[in-house]
Amino acid sequence: MATQPSFWTKLVQSIKRLFGGQPEFKPTEKDGVWYQQVKPGVIRMGITADAYQDLGDISFMDFSSPDNKLETGDDLLELEGAKAVETLKSPISGTIIARNNDLLQQTDQLGNRAMKDNWLVEVQSA
């Protein structure tokens, strides 16, 4: 049986979130992409662990378009893995305000990092 966090643990976590602590990582997932609000109106998107497993070791990644406007269902990222080639689609609409270009250079590290660190873009929601 799992134990519930104590009142004090919940209080401390709430205070940390209130005063600028990182939001708890509980993203929504859709078609290989996770997404979560990181601050009001800003959504971060990344590669799910399931997508990584389905593709195998990823050898190539590239943003599908240099355009910063996204609509739901637009191509977001092209991936080549040991098992498959895939294009991830955007689950939300908005304007890209940050891209994690470092991630594109570190494809060999994807399997060694926490899912929340495999973020692709930050989007100002529409």
C-alpha atoms as a PDB file:
ATOM      1  CA  MET A   1       0.000   0.000   0.000  1.00  0.00           C
ATOM      2  CA  ALA A   2       1.371   3.421  -1.004  1.00  0.00           C
ATOM      3  CA  THR A   3       1.652   6.048   1.691  1.00  0.00           C
ATOM      4  CA  GLN A   4       0.286   9.545   1.187  1.00  0.00           C
ATOM      5  CA  PRO A   5       2.604  12.554   1.586  1.00  0.00           C
ATOM      6  CA  SER A   6       2.254  14.247   4.954  1.00  0.00           C
ATOM      7  CA  PHE A   7       0.541  17.575   5.424  1.00  0.00           C
ATOM      8  CA  TRP A   8       3.926  19.254   5.860  1.00  0.00           C
ATOM      9  CA  THR A   9       5.365  17.710   2.692  1.00  0.00           C
ATOM     10  CA  LYS A  10       2.356  18.924   0.697  1.00  0.00           C
ATOM     11  CA  LEU A  11       2.647  22.386   2.257  1.00  0.00           C
ATOM     12  CA  VAL A  12       6.357  22.702   1.418  1.00  0.00           C
ATOM     13  CA  GLN A  13       5.743  21.523  -2.176  1.00  0.00           C
ATOM     14  CA  SER A  14       2.926  24.054  -2.572  1.00  0.00           C
ATOM     15  CA  ILE A  15       5.101  26.891  -1.274  1.00  0.00           C
ATOM     16  CA  LYS A  16       7.940  25.927  -3.648  1.00  0.00           C
ATOM     17  CA  ARG A  17       5.548  25.964  -6.623  1.00  0.00           C
ATOM     18  CA  LEU A  18       4.058  29.271  -5.503  1.00  0.00           C
ATOM     19  CA  PHE A  19       7.429  31.007  -5.204  1.00  0.00           C
ATOM     20  CA  GLY A  20       8.995  29.935  -8.469  1.00  0.00           C
ATOM     21  CA  GLY A  21       9.827  26.293  -7.945  1.00  0.00           C
ATOM     22  CA  GLN A  22       9.612  24.041 -10.965  1.00  0.00           C
ATOM     23  CA  PRO A  23       6.128  22.737 -11.700  1.00  0.00           C
ATOM     24  CA  GLU A  24       5.582  19.068 -10.993  1.00  0.00           C
ATOM     25  CA  PHE A  25       6.284  16.996 -14.117  1.00  0.00           C
ATOM     26  CA  LYS A  26       2.969  15.375 -15.032  1.00  0.00           C
ATOM     27  CA  PRO A  27       2.620  15.960 -18.764  1.00  0.00           C
ATOM     28  CA  THR A  28      -0.172  15.019 -21.108  1.00  0.00           C
ATOM     29  CA  GLU A  29       0.915  12.661 -23.898  1.00  0.00           C
ATOM     30  CA  LYS A  30      -0.356  12.393 -27.459  1.00  0.00           C
ATOM     31  CA  ASP A  31       1.156  10.473 -30.382  1.00  0.00           C
ATOM     32  CA  GLY A  32       4.744  10.418 -29.108  1.00  0.00           C
ATOM     33  CA  VAL A  33       4.750  13.999 -27.813  1.00  0.00           C
ATOM     34  CA  TRP A  34       4.388  15.078 -24.189  1.00  0.00           C
ATOM     35  CA  TYR A  35       3.266  18.585 -23.317  1.00  0.00           C
ATOM     36  CA  GLN A  36       2.847  20.544 -20.116  1.00  0.00           C
ATOM     37  CA  GLN A  37       2.307  24.146 -19.099  1.00  0.00           C
ATOM     38  CA  VAL A  38       5.504  25.483 -17.507  1.00  0.00           C
ATOM     39  CA  LYS A  39       4.195  28.993 -16.822  1.00  0.00           C
ATOM     40  CA  PRO A  40       0.952  30.773 -17.678  1.00  0.00           C
ATOM     41  CA  GLY A  41       0.373  30.508 -21.431  1.00  0.00           C
ATOM     42  CA  VAL A  42       3.674  28.691 -22.114  1.00  0.00           C
ATOM     43  CA  ILE A  43       3.608  25.010 -23.027  1.00  0.00           C
ATOM     44  CA  ARG A  44       6.734  22.839 -23.241  1.00  0.00           C
ATOM     45  CA  MET A  45       6.689  19.828 -25.582  1.00  0.00           C
ATOM     46  CA  GLY A  46       9.046  16.870 -25.803  1.00  0.00           C
ATOM     47  CA  ILE A  47       9.557  13.268 -26.895  1.00  0.00           C
ATOM     48  CA  THR A  48       7.783  10.602 -24.845  1.00  0.00           C
ATOM     49  CA  ALA A  49       9.653   7.566 -23.543  1.00  0.00           C
ATOM     50  CA  ASP A  50       7.297   5.341 -25.575  1.00  0.00           C
ATOM     51  CA  ALA A  51       8.207   7.141 -28.816  1.00  0.00           C
ATOM     52  CA  TYR A  52      11.886   6.717 -28.051  1.00  0.00           C
ATOM     53  CA  GLN A  53      11.380   3.002 -27.379  1.00  0.00           C
ATOM     54  CA  ASP A  54       9.353   2.556 -30.590  1.00  0.00           C
ATOM     55  CA  LEU A  55      12.036   4.243 -32.703  1.00  0.00           C
ATOM     56  CA  GLY A  56      15.064   2.643 -31.079  1.00  0.00           C
ATOM     57  CA  ASP A  57      18.344   4.530 -30.901  1.00  0.00           C
ATOM     58  CA  ILE A  58      17.722   7.828 -32.659  1.00  0.00           C
ATOM     59  CA  SER A  59      20.380   8.770 -35.211  1.00  0.00           C
ATOM     60  CA  PHE A  60      18.801  11.898 -36.709  1.00  0.00           C
ATOM     61  CA  MET A  61      16.362  14.597 -35.580  1.00  0.00           C
ATOM     62  CA  ASP A  62      15.363  17.839 -37.260  1.00  0.00           C
ATOM     63  CA  PHE A  63      12.599  20.353 -36.807  1.00  0.00           C
ATOM     64  CA  SER A  64      10.141  19.929 -39.659  1.00  0.00           C
ATOM     65  CA  SER A  65       9.748  23.622 -40.342  1.00  0.00           C
ATOM     66  CA  PRO A  66      11.637  26.798 -39.485  1.00  0.00           C
ATOM     67  CA  ASP A  67       8.252  28.524 -39.153  1.00  0.00           C
ATOM     68  CA  ASN A  68       7.361  29.511 -35.593  1.00  0.00           C
ATOM     69  CA  LYS A  69       3.578  29.254 -36.014  1.00  0.00           C
ATOM     70  CA  LEU A  70       2.084  25.868 -35.120  1.00  0.00           C
ATOM     71  CA  GLU A  71      -1.403  24.508 -35.585  1.00  0.00           C
ATOM     72  CA  THR A  72      -2.619  21.303 -33.988  1.00  0.00           C
ATOM     73  CA  GLY A  73      -1.490  18.432 -36.232  1.00  0.00           C
ATOM     74  CA  ASP A  74       1.366  20.329 -37.929  1.00  0.00           C
ATOM     75  CA  ASP A  75       4.657  18.462 -38.394  1.00  0.00           C
ATOM     76  CA  LEU A  76       6.901  19.218 -35.436  1.00  0.00           C
ATOM     77  CA  LEU A  77       9.968  16.962 -35.601  1.00  0.00           C
ATOM     78  CA  GLU A  78      11.400  14.409 -38.014  1.00  0.00           C
ATOM     79  CA  LEU A  79      13.127  11.436 -36.379  1.00  0.00           C
ATOM     80  CA  GLU A  80      15.160   8.529 -37.706  1.00  0.00           C
ATOM     81  CA  GLY A  81      15.744   5.623 -35.376  1.00  0.00           C
ATOM     82  CA  ALA A  82      17.166   2.114 -35.544  1.00  0.00           C
ATOM     83  CA  LYS A  83      13.638   0.667 -35.852  1.00  0.00           C
ATOM     84  CA  ALA A  84      11.620   3.320 -37.693  1.00  0.00           C
ATOM     85  CA  VAL A  85      11.350   6.784 -39.212  1.00  0.00           C
ATOM     86  CA  GLU A  86       8.683   9.048 -37.728  1.00  0.00           C
ATOM     87  CA  THR A  87       7.369  12.597 -37.915  1.00  0.00           C
ATOM     88  CA  LEU A  88       5.936  13.844 -34.635  1.00  0.00           C
ATOM     89  CA  LYS A  89       2.905  16.135 -34.855  1.00  0.00           C
ATOM     90  CA  SER A  90       2.111  19.119 -32.662  1.00  0.00           C
ATOM     91  CA  PRO A  91      -0.688  18.428 -30.167  1.00  0.00           C
ATOM     92  CA  ILE A  92      -1.339  22.177 -29.674  1.00  0.00           C
ATOM     93  CA  SER A  93      -1.512  25.485 -31.563  1.00  0.00           C
ATOM     94  CA  GLY A  94       0.623  28.524 -30.810  1.00  0.00           C
ATOM     95  CA  THR A  95       3.897  30.308 -31.511  1.00  0.00           C
ATOM     96  CA  ILE A  96       7.272  28.680 -30.832  1.00  0.00           C
ATOM     97  CA  ILE A  97       9.238  30.918 -28.472  1.00  0.00           C
ATOM     98  CA  ALA A  98      12.168  28.537 -27.754  1.00  0.00           C
ATOM     99  CA  ARG A  99      13.713  25.513 -29.475  1.00  0.00           C
ATOM    100  CA  ASN A 100      16.045  23.055 -27.784  1.00  0.00           C
ATOM    101  CA  ASN A 101      18.638  22.939 -30.579  1.00  0.00           C
ATOM    102  CA  ASP A 102      21.167  21.312 -28.212  1.00  0.00           C
ATOM    103  CA  LEU A 103      18.953  18.229 -28.134  1.00  0.00           C
ATOM    104  CA  LEU A 104      19.358  17.828 -31.913  1.00  0.00           C
ATOM    105  CA  GLN A 105      23.130  17.535 -31.414  1.00  0.00           C
ATOM    106  CA  GLN A 106      22.850  14.971 -28.587  1.00  0.00           C
ATOM    107  CA  THR A 107      20.702  12.223 -30.099  1.00  0.00           C
ATOM    108  CA  ASP A 108      22.963   9.577 -28.548  1.00  0.00           C
ATOM    109  CA  GLN A 109      22.067  10.885 -25.060  1.00  0.00           C
ATOM    110  CA  LEU A 110      18.271  10.676 -25.376  1.00  0.00           C
ATOM    111  CA  GLY A 111      18.022   7.258 -23.756  1.00  0.00           C
ATOM    112  CA  ASN A 112      20.145   8.342 -20.789  1.00  0.00           C
ATOM    113  CA  ARG A 113      18.125  11.424 -19.855  1.00  0.00           C
ATOM    114  CA  ALA A 114      14.895  11.940 -17.966  1.00  0.00           C
ATOM    115  CA  MET A 115      11.882  12.438 -20.234  1.00  0.00           C
ATOM    116  CA  LYS A 116      11.381  16.018 -18.969  1.00  0.00           C
ATOM    117  CA  ASP A 117      14.915  16.879 -20.161  1.00  0.00           C
ATOM    118  CA  ASN A 118      14.076  15.740 -23.710  1.00  0.00           C
ATOM    119  CA  TRP A 119      12.026  18.847 -24.433  1.00  0.00           C
ATOM    120  CA  LEU A 120      11.825  20.122 -27.977  1.00  0.00           C
ATOM    121  CA  VAL A 121      10.079  23.495 -27.963  1.00  0.00           C
ATOM    122  CA  GLU A 122       8.302  25.992 -25.769  1.00  0.00           C
ATOM    123  CA  VAL A 123       5.121  27.405 -27.276  1.00  0.00           C
ATOM    124  CA  GLN A 124       3.118  30.487 -26.410  1.00  0.00           C
ATOM    125  CA  SER A 125      -0.363  29.011 -26.631  1.00  0.00           C
ATOM    126  CA  ALA A 126      -2.854  30.546 -29.039  1.00  0.00           C
END
